[in-house]
Each structure stands twice: as structure tokens, then as C-alpha cells.
């Protein structure tokens, strides 16, 4: 016994804590543990540092050549998304457009289903501002709170120098977020999410 606590219970709790401190978010867990030992309030959100609202810089339009390389062009964009200048990412949704019995659809098929559903699809400038945000804190919020590790921004259809159509996508690997593109004629399965703005309160 440890006081009135069975030693086995304490050991399980300590093992769990050690695993969390040794894990990917170990620094955050260790800082909260130190606050707990000092009898301070822990795991309290600070609205000044934990805001999930991102301002989109519309003064500089998305430039596919500067962001992706020579020869890239914009084919079409969701004009409704281009009007958005501020997004509360606690209120966005991620969609697959898959029916319950389907394993996959193509990106082109997914675009058609988004259109039929009236979804407002996030454009590539939103993806660029997420990617370039200092510390990528909004992307990390999406990962930690919503479990998102890959999503595409179908509000901008891009044409590759080869002529194939694609969309900008962001994905998480080895603890950081990277950028890439996904061919529209390729498959999309249940892990391939689209960032959708319809439920955001700004609309």
C-alpha cells in the first residue's frame, strides 16, 4: 500500500504517465505535470494562445508557381471560399463523400458529389496559410483534437505541368506537416478528407 492507495494502482498510473511523457506530446505532458506538482491549475485553455481562428491573407492570391513550382496553373476555384478571410477551425468539417458500401471513389467523382451537396470547398490559399502559419499551430490543433493527418483543398483545381488535374493536400509525417498534390483521377478512400466550410459560422 502507498498510503491508502494500492501499490498496483499507483504503478499503473505511473507507467501510463511515463508513456505519455515519452510520447510525441511528451513536452506538453511534462510541463503540465510540473504545474500539478506545484498545485497549479492544469490543462486550462488560454484563449490568447489556444485560439483556433486563422486569418487568411487575401491581399496576396495563391500563386501555384511560387508554392509548387514552374508550370503549375489554376484551373478553377470555388469563388465562395475565396471570399473567406477568417476561419474558426473548431467549426470546420472534413468529408469523404463516400457512400457506406464504397471503399473508394476518384477525386473527380468526389468533386461531383461535393458539388451536388453544395459544399463550400476550401481553396489552396487557405492551405498555404495553414502550412506557412508560425509553428503550424492550427494544423497541430486539427491533428490533436480532430485526428486529421491528411486532407485536400478541392476548392482550387490545379493543372500540373504535364496537363493532369490535381488538388493541393497537406499531410502529417514524423511530427510535422508537409505539402503535396493529389491527382484528381486517383482513388480517394476513407482516409482522404476534404476540408469543407459549410458549418463554419461565418456563412
N, C-alpha and C. Protein backbone atom coordinates (compact mmCIF):
# COMPACT_ATOMS: atom_id res chain seq x y z
N UNK A 1 0.85 -1.21 0.00
CA UNK A 1 0.00 0.00 0.00
C UNK A 1 0.88 1.25 0.00
N UNK A 2 0.37 2.28 -0.68
CA UNK A 2 1.03 3.57 -0.68
C UNK A 2 0.02 4.54 -0.07
N UNK A 3 0.15 4.76 1.27
CA UNK A 3 -0.91 5.46 1.97
C UNK A 3 -2.14 4.57 1.95
N UNK A 4 -3.25 5.09 1.43
CA UNK A 4 -4.47 4.30 1.28
C UNK A 4 -4.66 3.79 -0.14
N UNK A 5 -3.64 3.97 -1.01
CA UNK A 5 -3.75 3.60 -2.42
C UNK A 5 -2.99 2.31 -2.66
N UNK A 6 -3.63 1.29 -3.28
CA UNK A 6 -2.91 0.06 -3.60
C UNK A 6 -1.71 0.37 -4.50
N UNK A 7 -0.59 -0.26 -4.22
CA UNK A 7 0.63 -0.01 -4.97
C UNK A 7 0.45 -0.33 -6.45
N UNK A 8 -0.37 -1.35 -6.75
CA UNK A 8 -0.59 -1.72 -8.16
C UNK A 8 -1.28 -0.60 -8.94
N UNK A 9 -2.24 0.09 -8.29
CA UNK A 9 -2.91 1.21 -8.94
C UNK A 9 -1.94 2.34 -9.21
N UNK A 10 -1.09 2.62 -8.24
CA UNK A 10 -0.10 3.68 -8.41
C UNK A 10 0.87 3.34 -9.54
N UNK A 11 1.28 2.08 -9.61
CA UNK A 11 2.23 1.65 -10.63
C UNK A 11 1.64 1.81 -12.03
N UNK A 12 0.35 1.42 -12.18
CA UNK A 12 -0.30 1.57 -13.49
C UNK A 12 -0.38 3.03 -13.89
N UNK A 13 -0.73 3.89 -12.95
CA UNK A 13 -0.82 5.31 -13.24
C UNK A 13 0.55 5.88 -13.61
N UNK A 14 1.59 5.47 -12.88
CA UNK A 14 2.94 5.96 -13.18
C UNK A 14 3.41 5.48 -14.55
N UNK A 15 3.11 4.22 -14.88
CA UNK A 15 3.50 3.68 -16.19
C UNK A 15 2.81 4.45 -17.32
N UNK A 16 1.53 4.74 -17.09
CA UNK A 16 0.77 5.49 -18.10
C UNK A 16 1.36 6.89 -18.30
N UNK A 17 1.71 7.54 -17.19
CA UNK A 17 2.29 8.87 -17.26
C UNK A 17 3.64 8.84 -17.96
N UNK A 18 4.46 7.85 -17.65
CA UNK A 18 5.77 7.75 -18.29
C UNK A 18 5.64 7.54 -19.79
N UNK A 19 4.64 6.77 -20.22
CA UNK A 19 4.42 6.57 -21.65
C UNK A 19 4.03 7.86 -22.34
N UNK A 20 3.18 8.64 -21.68
CA UNK A 20 2.76 9.91 -22.26
C UNK A 20 3.92 10.90 -22.35
N UNK A 21 4.75 10.95 -21.33
CA UNK A 21 5.90 11.86 -21.34
C UNK A 21 6.93 11.43 -22.38
N UNK A 22 7.04 10.13 -22.60
CA UNK A 22 7.98 9.62 -23.60
C UNK A 22 7.42 9.71 -25.02
N UNK A 23 6.12 10.02 -25.15
CA UNK A 23 5.48 10.04 -26.46
C UNK A 23 5.67 11.33 -27.22
N UNK A 24 4.92 11.44 -28.31
CA UNK A 24 5.08 12.57 -29.22
C UNK A 24 4.79 13.91 -28.57
N UNK A 25 3.82 13.95 -27.65
CA UNK A 25 3.46 15.19 -26.96
C UNK A 25 4.04 15.23 -25.55
N UNK A 26 5.19 14.58 -25.38
CA UNK A 26 5.79 14.44 -24.06
C UNK A 26 6.13 15.75 -23.38
N UNK A 27 6.60 16.72 -24.15
CA UNK A 27 6.97 18.00 -23.55
C UNK A 27 5.75 18.68 -22.92
N UNK A 28 4.62 18.61 -23.63
CA UNK A 28 3.39 19.21 -23.11
C UNK A 28 2.95 18.51 -21.83
N UNK A 29 3.00 17.16 -21.82
CA UNK A 29 2.62 16.42 -20.63
C UNK A 29 3.55 16.73 -19.45
N UNK A 30 4.85 16.87 -19.73
CA UNK A 30 5.81 17.14 -18.67
C UNK A 30 5.58 18.52 -18.05
N UNK A 31 5.27 19.51 -18.90
CA UNK A 31 5.01 20.85 -18.39
C UNK A 31 3.76 20.87 -17.51
N UNK A 32 2.72 20.13 -17.91
CA UNK A 32 1.51 20.06 -17.09
C UNK A 32 1.76 19.33 -15.78
N UNK A 33 2.61 18.29 -15.82
CA UNK A 33 2.95 17.56 -14.60
C UNK A 33 3.65 18.48 -13.61
N UNK A 34 4.54 19.31 -14.09
CA UNK A 34 5.24 20.25 -13.20
C UNK A 34 4.26 21.23 -12.56
N UNK A 35 3.26 21.67 -13.34
CA UNK A 35 2.24 22.56 -12.77
C UNK A 35 1.44 21.83 -11.70
N UNK A 36 1.12 20.58 -11.95
CA UNK A 36 0.36 19.79 -10.98
C UNK A 36 1.12 19.65 -9.67
N UNK A 37 2.42 19.37 -9.76
CA UNK A 37 3.24 19.22 -8.55
C UNK A 37 3.29 20.53 -7.77
N UNK A 38 3.24 21.65 -8.50
CA UNK A 38 3.25 22.96 -7.82
C UNK A 38 1.85 23.36 -7.35
N UNK A 39 0.86 22.46 -7.50
CA UNK A 39 -0.53 22.69 -7.12
C UNK A 39 -1.16 23.84 -7.91
N UNK A 40 -0.73 23.97 -9.17
CA UNK A 40 -1.32 24.96 -10.06
C UNK A 40 -2.39 24.27 -10.91
N UNK A 41 -3.31 25.06 -11.49
CA UNK A 41 -4.34 24.52 -12.37
C UNK A 41 -3.70 24.02 -13.66
N UNK A 42 -4.11 22.82 -14.08
CA UNK A 42 -3.51 22.23 -15.28
C UNK A 42 -4.56 22.04 -16.37
N UNK A 43 -4.06 21.92 -17.60
CA UNK A 43 -4.87 21.68 -18.80
C UNK A 43 -5.98 22.71 -18.97
N UNK A 44 -5.69 23.95 -18.66
CA UNK A 44 -6.64 25.04 -18.87
C UNK A 44 -6.27 25.75 -20.15
N UNK A 45 -7.25 25.93 -21.05
CA UNK A 45 -7.01 26.60 -22.32
C UNK A 45 -6.92 28.10 -22.12
N UNK A 46 -5.92 28.68 -22.74
CA UNK A 46 -5.74 30.13 -22.72
C UNK A 46 -6.24 30.68 -24.05
N UNK A 47 -7.30 31.50 -24.04
CA UNK A 47 -7.84 31.99 -25.31
C UNK A 47 -6.85 32.81 -26.12
N UNK A 48 -5.83 33.37 -25.46
CA UNK A 48 -4.84 34.17 -26.18
C UNK A 48 -3.85 33.29 -26.94
N UNK A 49 -3.61 32.07 -26.43
CA UNK A 49 -2.62 31.20 -27.07
C UNK A 49 -3.24 29.97 -27.72
N UNK A 50 -4.49 29.67 -27.40
CA UNK A 50 -5.13 28.46 -27.92
C UNK A 50 -6.27 28.77 -28.88
N UNK A 51 -6.23 29.93 -29.53
CA UNK A 51 -7.26 30.28 -30.49
C UNK A 51 -7.12 29.39 -31.73
N UNK A 52 -8.26 29.01 -32.28
CA UNK A 52 -8.27 28.19 -33.49
C UNK A 52 -8.79 28.99 -34.68
N UNK A 53 -8.76 30.31 -34.56
CA UNK A 53 -9.19 31.19 -35.64
C UNK A 53 -7.96 31.62 -36.44
N UNK A 54 -8.01 31.39 -37.74
CA UNK A 54 -6.90 31.76 -38.62
C UNK A 54 -7.38 32.81 -39.61
N UNK A 55 -6.64 33.90 -39.71
CA UNK A 55 -6.93 34.94 -40.70
C UNK A 55 -6.25 34.58 -42.01
N UNK A 56 -7.02 34.59 -43.09
CA UNK A 56 -6.50 34.26 -44.41
C UNK A 56 -6.08 35.55 -45.11
N UNK A 57 -4.84 35.60 -45.56
CA UNK A 57 -4.31 36.79 -46.23
C UNK A 57 -4.77 36.81 -47.68
N UNK A 58 -5.85 37.54 -47.94
CA UNK A 58 -6.37 37.63 -49.31
C UNK A 58 -5.73 38.75 -50.11
N UNK A 59 -4.81 39.51 -49.50
CA UNK A 59 -4.13 40.57 -50.24
C UNK A 59 -3.17 39.98 -51.27
N UNK A 60 -2.72 38.75 -51.03
CA UNK A 60 -1.83 38.07 -51.97
C UNK A 60 -2.49 36.76 -52.40
N UNK A 61 -3.00 36.68 -53.62
CA UNK A 61 -3.66 35.45 -54.08
C UNK A 61 -2.69 34.27 -54.13
N UNK A 62 -3.26 33.08 -54.12
CA UNK A 62 -2.44 31.88 -54.23
C UNK A 62 -1.70 31.86 -55.56
N UNK A 63 -0.40 31.63 -55.49
CA UNK A 63 0.44 31.57 -56.68
C UNK A 63 0.98 30.14 -56.80
N UNK A 64 0.43 29.34 -57.70
CA UNK A 64 0.86 27.93 -57.78
C UNK A 64 2.31 27.76 -58.20
N UNK A 65 2.83 28.69 -58.99
CA UNK A 65 4.24 28.59 -59.40
C UNK A 65 5.16 28.81 -58.21
N UNK A 66 4.86 29.84 -57.41
CA UNK A 66 5.70 30.14 -56.25
C UNK A 66 5.60 29.04 -55.19
N UNK A 67 4.41 28.42 -55.06
CA UNK A 67 4.20 27.46 -53.99
C UNK A 67 4.56 26.03 -54.39
N UNK A 68 4.36 25.70 -55.69
CA UNK A 68 4.56 24.32 -56.13
C UNK A 68 5.65 24.15 -57.19
N UNK A 69 5.90 25.20 -57.97
CA UNK A 69 6.96 25.09 -58.96
C UNK A 69 6.52 25.56 -60.35
N UNK A 70 7.47 25.65 -61.27
CA UNK A 70 7.21 26.13 -62.62
C UNK A 70 6.20 25.26 -63.34
N UNK A 71 5.35 25.92 -64.11
CA UNK A 71 4.41 25.20 -64.96
C UNK A 71 3.05 24.93 -64.36
N UNK A 72 2.90 25.15 -63.04
CA UNK A 72 1.60 24.92 -62.39
C UNK A 72 0.64 26.06 -62.72
N UNK A 73 -0.64 25.72 -62.89
CA UNK A 73 -1.67 26.71 -63.17
C UNK A 73 -2.93 26.41 -62.36
N UNK A 74 -3.71 27.45 -62.13
CA UNK A 74 -5.03 27.28 -61.51
C UNK A 74 -6.05 27.03 -62.61
N UNK A 75 -6.78 25.92 -62.49
CA UNK A 75 -7.80 25.57 -63.47
C UNK A 75 -9.14 26.21 -63.12
N UNK A 76 -9.57 26.06 -61.87
CA UNK A 76 -10.80 26.67 -61.40
C UNK A 76 -10.79 26.73 -59.88
N UNK A 77 -11.66 27.59 -59.31
CA UNK A 77 -11.70 27.75 -57.87
C UNK A 77 -13.14 27.93 -57.39
N UNK A 78 -13.38 27.57 -56.14
CA UNK A 78 -14.68 27.81 -55.50
C UNK A 78 -14.71 29.28 -55.07
N UNK A 79 -15.47 30.08 -55.80
CA UNK A 79 -15.49 31.52 -55.55
C UNK A 79 -16.02 31.87 -54.17
N UNK A 80 -16.84 31.00 -53.61
CA UNK A 80 -17.36 31.26 -52.26
C UNK A 80 -16.23 31.18 -51.24
N UNK A 81 -15.34 30.23 -51.41
CA UNK A 81 -14.22 30.10 -50.50
C UNK A 81 -13.28 31.29 -50.58
N UNK A 82 -13.14 31.85 -51.78
CA UNK A 82 -12.23 32.98 -51.97
C UNK A 82 -12.67 34.23 -51.21
N UNK A 83 -13.93 34.26 -50.78
CA UNK A 83 -14.44 35.40 -50.02
C UNK A 83 -14.13 35.30 -48.53
N UNK A 84 -13.67 34.14 -48.11
CA UNK A 84 -13.43 33.91 -46.68
C UNK A 84 -12.11 34.53 -46.25
N UNK A 85 -12.14 35.33 -45.20
CA UNK A 85 -10.92 35.96 -44.69
C UNK A 85 -10.57 35.52 -43.28
N UNK A 86 -11.47 34.80 -42.62
CA UNK A 86 -11.22 34.32 -41.26
C UNK A 86 -11.98 33.01 -41.04
N UNK A 87 -11.28 32.03 -40.48
CA UNK A 87 -11.89 30.71 -40.27
C UNK A 87 -11.67 30.25 -38.84
N UNK A 88 -12.74 29.83 -38.20
CA UNK A 88 -12.65 29.18 -36.89
C UNK A 88 -12.55 27.68 -37.15
N UNK A 89 -11.37 27.12 -36.97
CA UNK A 89 -11.15 25.73 -37.34
C UNK A 89 -11.76 24.74 -36.35
N UNK A 90 -12.33 25.23 -35.28
CA UNK A 90 -13.09 24.33 -34.41
C UNK A 90 -14.45 24.04 -35.01
N UNK A 91 -14.84 24.77 -36.07
CA UNK A 91 -16.17 24.63 -36.65
C UNK A 91 -16.17 24.10 -38.08
N UNK A 92 -15.00 23.82 -38.63
CA UNK A 92 -14.96 23.25 -39.98
C UNK A 92 -15.26 21.76 -39.92
N UNK A 93 -15.55 21.18 -41.07
CA UNK A 93 -15.78 19.74 -41.15
C UNK A 93 -14.87 19.14 -42.22
N UNK A 94 -14.71 17.83 -42.14
CA UNK A 94 -13.92 17.09 -43.13
C UNK A 94 -14.81 15.98 -43.70
N UNK A 95 -14.86 15.90 -45.02
CA UNK A 95 -15.76 14.98 -45.69
C UNK A 95 -15.00 14.04 -46.62
N UNK A 96 -15.56 12.83 -46.79
CA UNK A 96 -15.01 11.88 -47.76
C UNK A 96 -15.91 11.72 -48.98
N UNK A 97 -17.20 12.00 -48.81
CA UNK A 97 -18.22 11.83 -49.86
C UNK A 97 -18.44 10.37 -50.24
N UNK A 98 -17.93 9.44 -49.46
CA UNK A 98 -18.13 8.02 -49.73
C UNK A 98 -19.50 7.57 -49.25
N UNK A 99 -20.12 6.69 -50.05
CA UNK A 99 -21.32 6.01 -49.58
C UNK A 99 -20.91 4.88 -48.64
N UNK A 100 -21.84 4.43 -47.77
CA UNK A 100 -21.47 3.41 -46.78
C UNK A 100 -20.89 2.13 -47.36
N UNK A 101 -21.30 1.76 -48.58
CA UNK A 101 -20.85 0.48 -49.16
C UNK A 101 -19.60 0.64 -50.03
N UNK A 102 -19.12 1.86 -50.19
CA UNK A 102 -17.99 2.10 -51.09
C UNK A 102 -16.66 2.03 -50.35
N UNK A 103 -15.65 1.55 -51.04
CA UNK A 103 -14.30 1.58 -50.50
C UNK A 103 -13.52 2.78 -50.98
N UNK A 104 -13.88 3.27 -52.19
CA UNK A 104 -13.16 4.42 -52.74
C UNK A 104 -13.95 5.03 -53.90
N UNK A 105 -13.61 6.26 -54.22
CA UNK A 105 -14.05 6.93 -55.44
C UNK A 105 -12.87 7.72 -55.97
N UNK A 106 -12.95 8.21 -57.17
CA UNK A 106 -11.88 9.05 -57.69
C UNK A 106 -12.04 10.47 -57.17
N UNK A 107 -10.98 11.25 -57.27
CA UNK A 107 -11.07 12.65 -56.90
C UNK A 107 -12.08 13.40 -57.73
N UNK A 108 -12.18 13.03 -59.02
CA UNK A 108 -13.17 13.68 -59.90
C UNK A 108 -14.58 13.37 -59.43
N UNK A 109 -14.82 12.10 -59.07
CA UNK A 109 -16.13 11.73 -58.55
C UNK A 109 -16.44 12.43 -57.24
N UNK A 110 -15.42 12.59 -56.44
CA UNK A 110 -15.58 13.27 -55.16
C UNK A 110 -15.97 14.73 -55.37
N UNK A 111 -15.35 15.38 -56.33
CA UNK A 111 -15.69 16.77 -56.65
C UNK A 111 -17.15 16.89 -57.06
N UNK A 112 -17.63 15.96 -57.88
CA UNK A 112 -19.02 15.99 -58.31
C UNK A 112 -19.97 15.84 -57.13
N UNK A 113 -19.65 14.97 -56.21
CA UNK A 113 -20.51 14.77 -55.04
C UNK A 113 -20.49 15.99 -54.12
N UNK A 114 -19.33 16.61 -53.98
CA UNK A 114 -19.27 17.86 -53.22
C UNK A 114 -20.19 18.90 -53.84
N UNK A 115 -20.15 19.00 -55.17
CA UNK A 115 -20.97 19.99 -55.87
C UNK A 115 -22.46 19.71 -55.65
N UNK A 116 -22.86 18.45 -55.75
CA UNK A 116 -24.27 18.09 -55.54
C UNK A 116 -24.71 18.41 -54.12
N UNK A 117 -23.80 18.25 -53.16
CA UNK A 117 -24.12 18.51 -51.75
C UNK A 117 -24.07 20.00 -51.41
N UNK A 118 -23.59 20.81 -52.34
CA UNK A 118 -23.49 22.25 -52.08
C UNK A 118 -22.37 22.61 -51.12
N UNK A 119 -21.37 21.76 -51.02
CA UNK A 119 -20.27 22.03 -50.11
C UNK A 119 -19.42 23.21 -50.57
N UNK A 120 -19.02 24.04 -49.63
CA UNK A 120 -18.07 25.12 -49.90
C UNK A 120 -16.68 24.54 -49.63
N UNK A 121 -15.90 24.38 -50.68
CA UNK A 121 -14.61 23.70 -50.59
C UNK A 121 -13.48 24.70 -50.38
N UNK A 122 -12.64 24.43 -49.44
CA UNK A 122 -11.54 25.32 -49.12
C UNK A 122 -10.56 25.43 -50.29
N UNK A 123 -10.16 26.64 -50.58
CA UNK A 123 -9.24 26.87 -51.70
C UNK A 123 -7.79 26.73 -51.25
N UNK A 124 -6.89 26.73 -52.21
CA UNK A 124 -5.48 26.47 -51.94
C UNK A 124 -4.82 27.54 -51.09
N UNK A 125 -5.31 28.78 -51.14
CA UNK A 125 -4.71 29.84 -50.32
C UNK A 125 -4.90 29.54 -48.84
N UNK A 126 -6.03 28.95 -48.49
CA UNK A 126 -6.25 28.53 -47.10
C UNK A 126 -5.21 27.49 -46.72
N UNK A 127 -4.96 26.55 -47.61
CA UNK A 127 -3.92 25.54 -47.35
C UNK A 127 -2.54 26.15 -47.20
N UNK A 128 -2.23 27.12 -48.04
CA UNK A 128 -0.93 27.78 -47.95
C UNK A 128 -0.77 28.51 -46.63
N UNK A 129 -1.80 29.23 -46.20
CA UNK A 129 -1.71 29.97 -44.94
C UNK A 129 -1.65 29.03 -43.74
N UNK A 130 -2.33 27.90 -43.82
CA UNK A 130 -2.20 26.89 -42.76
C UNK A 130 -0.77 26.35 -42.71
N UNK A 131 -0.23 26.04 -43.86
CA UNK A 131 1.10 25.46 -43.95
C UNK A 131 2.17 26.44 -43.48
N UNK A 132 2.00 27.72 -43.81
CA UNK A 132 3.02 28.73 -43.50
C UNK A 132 2.81 29.41 -42.16
N UNK A 133 1.73 29.09 -41.45
CA UNK A 133 1.49 29.68 -40.13
C UNK A 133 2.65 29.33 -39.19
N UNK A 134 3.07 30.29 -38.42
CA UNK A 134 4.17 30.07 -37.48
C UNK A 134 3.85 28.92 -36.53
N UNK A 135 4.72 27.94 -36.51
CA UNK A 135 4.53 26.78 -35.65
C UNK A 135 3.46 25.82 -36.13
N UNK A 136 2.83 26.12 -37.26
CA UNK A 136 1.74 25.29 -37.81
C UNK A 136 0.75 24.89 -36.71
N UNK A 137 0.44 25.86 -35.84
CA UNK A 137 -0.35 25.54 -34.65
C UNK A 137 -1.78 25.13 -34.98
N UNK A 138 -2.37 25.69 -36.05
CA UNK A 138 -3.73 25.29 -36.40
C UNK A 138 -3.74 23.87 -36.94
N UNK A 139 -2.76 23.52 -37.76
CA UNK A 139 -2.66 22.15 -38.25
C UNK A 139 -2.45 21.17 -37.10
N UNK A 140 -1.64 21.56 -36.13
CA UNK A 140 -1.43 20.69 -34.97
C UNK A 140 -2.72 20.55 -34.16
N UNK A 141 -3.50 21.61 -34.09
CA UNK A 141 -4.80 21.51 -33.42
C UNK A 141 -5.69 20.50 -34.15
N UNK A 142 -5.73 20.56 -35.47
CA UNK A 142 -6.55 19.62 -36.23
C UNK A 142 -6.12 18.18 -36.00
N UNK A 143 -4.81 17.98 -35.85
CA UNK A 143 -4.30 16.64 -35.59
C UNK A 143 -4.66 16.17 -34.18
N UNK A 144 -4.41 17.02 -33.18
CA UNK A 144 -4.60 16.62 -31.79
C UNK A 144 -6.08 16.52 -31.40
N UNK A 145 -6.89 17.43 -31.91
CA UNK A 145 -8.29 17.48 -31.49
C UNK A 145 -9.24 16.73 -32.43
N UNK A 146 -8.90 16.64 -33.71
CA UNK A 146 -9.80 16.02 -34.68
C UNK A 146 -9.20 14.77 -35.32
N UNK A 147 -7.94 14.48 -35.02
CA UNK A 147 -7.31 13.28 -35.55
C UNK A 147 -7.00 13.34 -37.03
N UNK A 148 -6.91 14.53 -37.60
CA UNK A 148 -6.67 14.70 -39.04
C UNK A 148 -5.18 14.59 -39.33
N UNK A 149 -4.82 13.75 -40.29
CA UNK A 149 -3.42 13.61 -40.70
C UNK A 149 -3.22 13.86 -42.20
N UNK A 150 -4.32 13.96 -42.96
CA UNK A 150 -4.25 14.23 -44.41
C UNK A 150 -5.56 14.87 -44.82
N UNK A 151 -5.46 15.93 -45.61
CA UNK A 151 -6.67 16.49 -46.21
C UNK A 151 -6.29 17.28 -47.45
N UNK A 152 -7.28 17.43 -48.32
CA UNK A 152 -7.05 18.17 -49.56
C UNK A 152 -7.94 19.39 -49.63
N UNK A 153 -7.55 20.32 -50.49
CA UNK A 153 -8.25 21.59 -50.64
C UNK A 153 -8.81 21.64 -52.05
N UNK A 154 -9.97 21.02 -52.22
CA UNK A 154 -10.56 20.86 -53.55
C UNK A 154 -11.21 22.13 -54.07
N UNK A 155 -11.21 23.20 -53.28
CA UNK A 155 -11.73 24.47 -53.75
C UNK A 155 -10.86 25.11 -54.81
N UNK A 156 -9.66 24.59 -55.01
CA UNK A 156 -8.79 25.02 -56.10
C UNK A 156 -8.37 23.78 -56.87
N UNK A 157 -8.77 23.71 -58.14
CA UNK A 157 -8.31 22.64 -59.03
C UNK A 157 -7.07 23.14 -59.76
N UNK A 158 -6.00 22.38 -59.64
CA UNK A 158 -4.72 22.79 -60.22
C UNK A 158 -4.37 21.94 -61.44
N UNK A 159 -3.70 22.56 -62.41
CA UNK A 159 -3.22 21.82 -63.57
C UNK A 159 -1.71 21.68 -63.47
N UNK A 160 -1.26 20.44 -63.42
CA UNK A 160 0.16 20.10 -63.37
C UNK A 160 0.82 20.46 -64.71
N UNK A 161 2.13 20.72 -64.72
CA UNK A 161 2.81 20.99 -66.00
C UNK A 161 2.58 19.91 -67.05
N UNK A 162 2.29 18.69 -66.62
CA UNK A 162 2.03 17.60 -67.56
C UNK A 162 0.63 17.67 -68.16
N UNK A 163 -0.23 18.50 -67.56
CA UNK A 163 -1.61 18.61 -68.02
C UNK A 163 -2.62 17.93 -67.13
N UNK A 164 -2.18 17.06 -66.22
CA UNK A 164 -3.11 16.37 -65.32
C UNK A 164 -3.65 17.33 -64.26
N UNK A 165 -4.87 17.08 -63.86
CA UNK A 165 -5.51 17.90 -62.84
C UNK A 165 -5.25 17.33 -61.45
N UNK A 166 -5.12 18.22 -60.48
CA UNK A 166 -4.83 17.79 -59.11
C UNK A 166 -5.35 18.81 -58.13
N UNK A 167 -5.17 18.52 -56.84
CA UNK A 167 -5.53 19.44 -55.77
C UNK A 167 -4.40 19.46 -54.74
N UNK A 168 -4.21 20.60 -54.12
CA UNK A 168 -3.23 20.72 -53.04
C UNK A 168 -3.69 19.88 -51.85
N UNK A 169 -2.76 19.19 -51.22
CA UNK A 169 -3.08 18.46 -50.00
C UNK A 169 -1.97 18.71 -48.97
N UNK A 170 -2.35 18.60 -47.71
CA UNK A 170 -1.43 18.72 -46.59
C UNK A 170 -1.48 17.43 -45.80
N UNK A 171 -0.34 16.95 -45.35
CA UNK A 171 -0.30 15.69 -44.61
C UNK A 171 0.75 15.77 -43.51
N UNK A 172 0.54 14.97 -42.48
CA UNK A 172 1.42 14.97 -41.32
C UNK A 172 2.29 13.72 -41.32
N UNK A 173 3.59 13.91 -41.14
CA UNK A 173 4.52 12.79 -41.08
C UNK A 173 5.69 13.17 -40.18
N UNK A 174 6.10 12.23 -39.33
CA UNK A 174 7.24 12.45 -38.44
C UNK A 174 7.09 13.72 -37.60
N UNK A 175 5.86 14.01 -37.18
CA UNK A 175 5.64 15.13 -36.27
C UNK A 175 5.53 16.49 -36.90
N UNK A 176 5.55 16.57 -38.25
CA UNK A 176 5.40 17.87 -38.89
C UNK A 176 4.50 17.73 -40.12
N UNK A 177 4.02 18.87 -40.61
CA UNK A 177 3.10 18.89 -41.75
C UNK A 177 3.85 19.22 -43.03
N UNK A 178 3.49 18.53 -44.08
CA UNK A 178 4.11 18.72 -45.39
C UNK A 178 3.04 19.03 -46.43
N UNK A 179 3.46 19.50 -47.59
CA UNK A 179 2.53 19.80 -48.68
C UNK A 179 2.81 18.87 -49.86
N UNK A 180 1.76 18.63 -50.64
CA UNK A 180 1.89 17.78 -51.81
C UNK A 180 0.68 18.05 -52.70
N UNK A 181 0.49 17.25 -53.71
CA UNK A 181 -0.70 17.36 -54.54
C UNK A 181 -1.23 15.95 -54.81
N UNK A 182 -2.54 15.87 -55.04
CA UNK A 182 -3.19 14.59 -55.28
C UNK A 182 -3.90 14.65 -56.62
N UNK A 183 -3.61 13.70 -57.51
CA UNK A 183 -4.23 13.65 -58.83
C UNK A 183 -5.74 13.44 -58.69
N UNK A 184 -6.50 14.17 -59.48
CA UNK A 184 -7.95 14.02 -59.41
C UNK A 184 -8.44 12.71 -59.99
N UNK A 185 -7.65 12.07 -60.87
CA UNK A 185 -8.08 10.79 -61.42
C UNK A 185 -7.61 9.61 -60.56
N UNK A 186 -6.98 9.89 -59.43
CA UNK A 186 -6.58 8.83 -58.50
C UNK A 186 -7.70 8.52 -57.52
N UNK A 187 -7.53 7.41 -56.81
CA UNK A 187 -8.53 6.98 -55.82
C UNK A 187 -8.51 7.85 -54.57
N UNK A 188 -9.68 7.96 -53.94
CA UNK A 188 -9.82 8.56 -52.63
C UNK A 188 -10.59 7.56 -51.75
N UNK A 189 -10.02 7.24 -50.58
CA UNK A 189 -10.70 6.31 -49.69
C UNK A 189 -11.13 7.02 -48.41
N UNK A 190 -11.43 6.26 -47.37
CA UNK A 190 -11.98 6.83 -46.14
C UNK A 190 -10.99 7.69 -45.38
N UNK A 191 -9.71 7.59 -45.70
CA UNK A 191 -8.70 8.42 -45.04
C UNK A 191 -8.43 9.72 -45.78
N UNK A 192 -9.02 9.86 -46.96
CA UNK A 192 -8.74 11.02 -47.81
C UNK A 192 -9.84 12.06 -47.65
N UNK A 193 -9.57 13.03 -46.80
CA UNK A 193 -10.58 14.01 -46.39
C UNK A 193 -10.50 15.30 -47.20
N UNK A 194 -11.64 15.96 -47.33
CA UNK A 194 -11.70 17.30 -47.90
C UNK A 194 -12.08 18.29 -46.80
N UNK A 195 -11.44 19.45 -46.79
CA UNK A 195 -11.77 20.50 -45.83
C UNK A 195 -12.96 21.29 -46.37
N UNK A 196 -14.06 21.26 -45.61
CA UNK A 196 -15.33 21.87 -46.03
C UNK A 196 -15.73 22.96 -45.04
N UNK A 197 -16.25 24.08 -45.56
CA UNK A 197 -16.51 25.26 -44.74
C UNK A 197 -17.98 25.51 -44.44
N UNK A 198 -18.89 24.67 -44.90
CA UNK A 198 -20.31 24.98 -44.76
C UNK A 198 -20.77 25.21 -43.33
N UNK A 199 -20.25 24.46 -42.38
CA UNK A 199 -20.72 24.57 -41.00
C UNK A 199 -19.98 25.66 -40.22
N UNK A 200 -19.05 26.30 -40.87
CA UNK A 200 -18.37 27.43 -40.21
C UNK A 200 -19.36 28.58 -40.06
N UNK A 201 -19.40 29.20 -38.90
CA UNK A 201 -20.44 30.18 -38.57
C UNK A 201 -20.33 31.46 -39.39
N UNK A 202 -19.26 31.64 -40.16
CA UNK A 202 -19.13 32.83 -40.98
C UNK A 202 -20.04 32.82 -42.19
N UNK A 203 -20.71 31.69 -42.50
CA UNK A 203 -21.57 31.63 -43.67
C UNK A 203 -23.02 31.74 -43.26
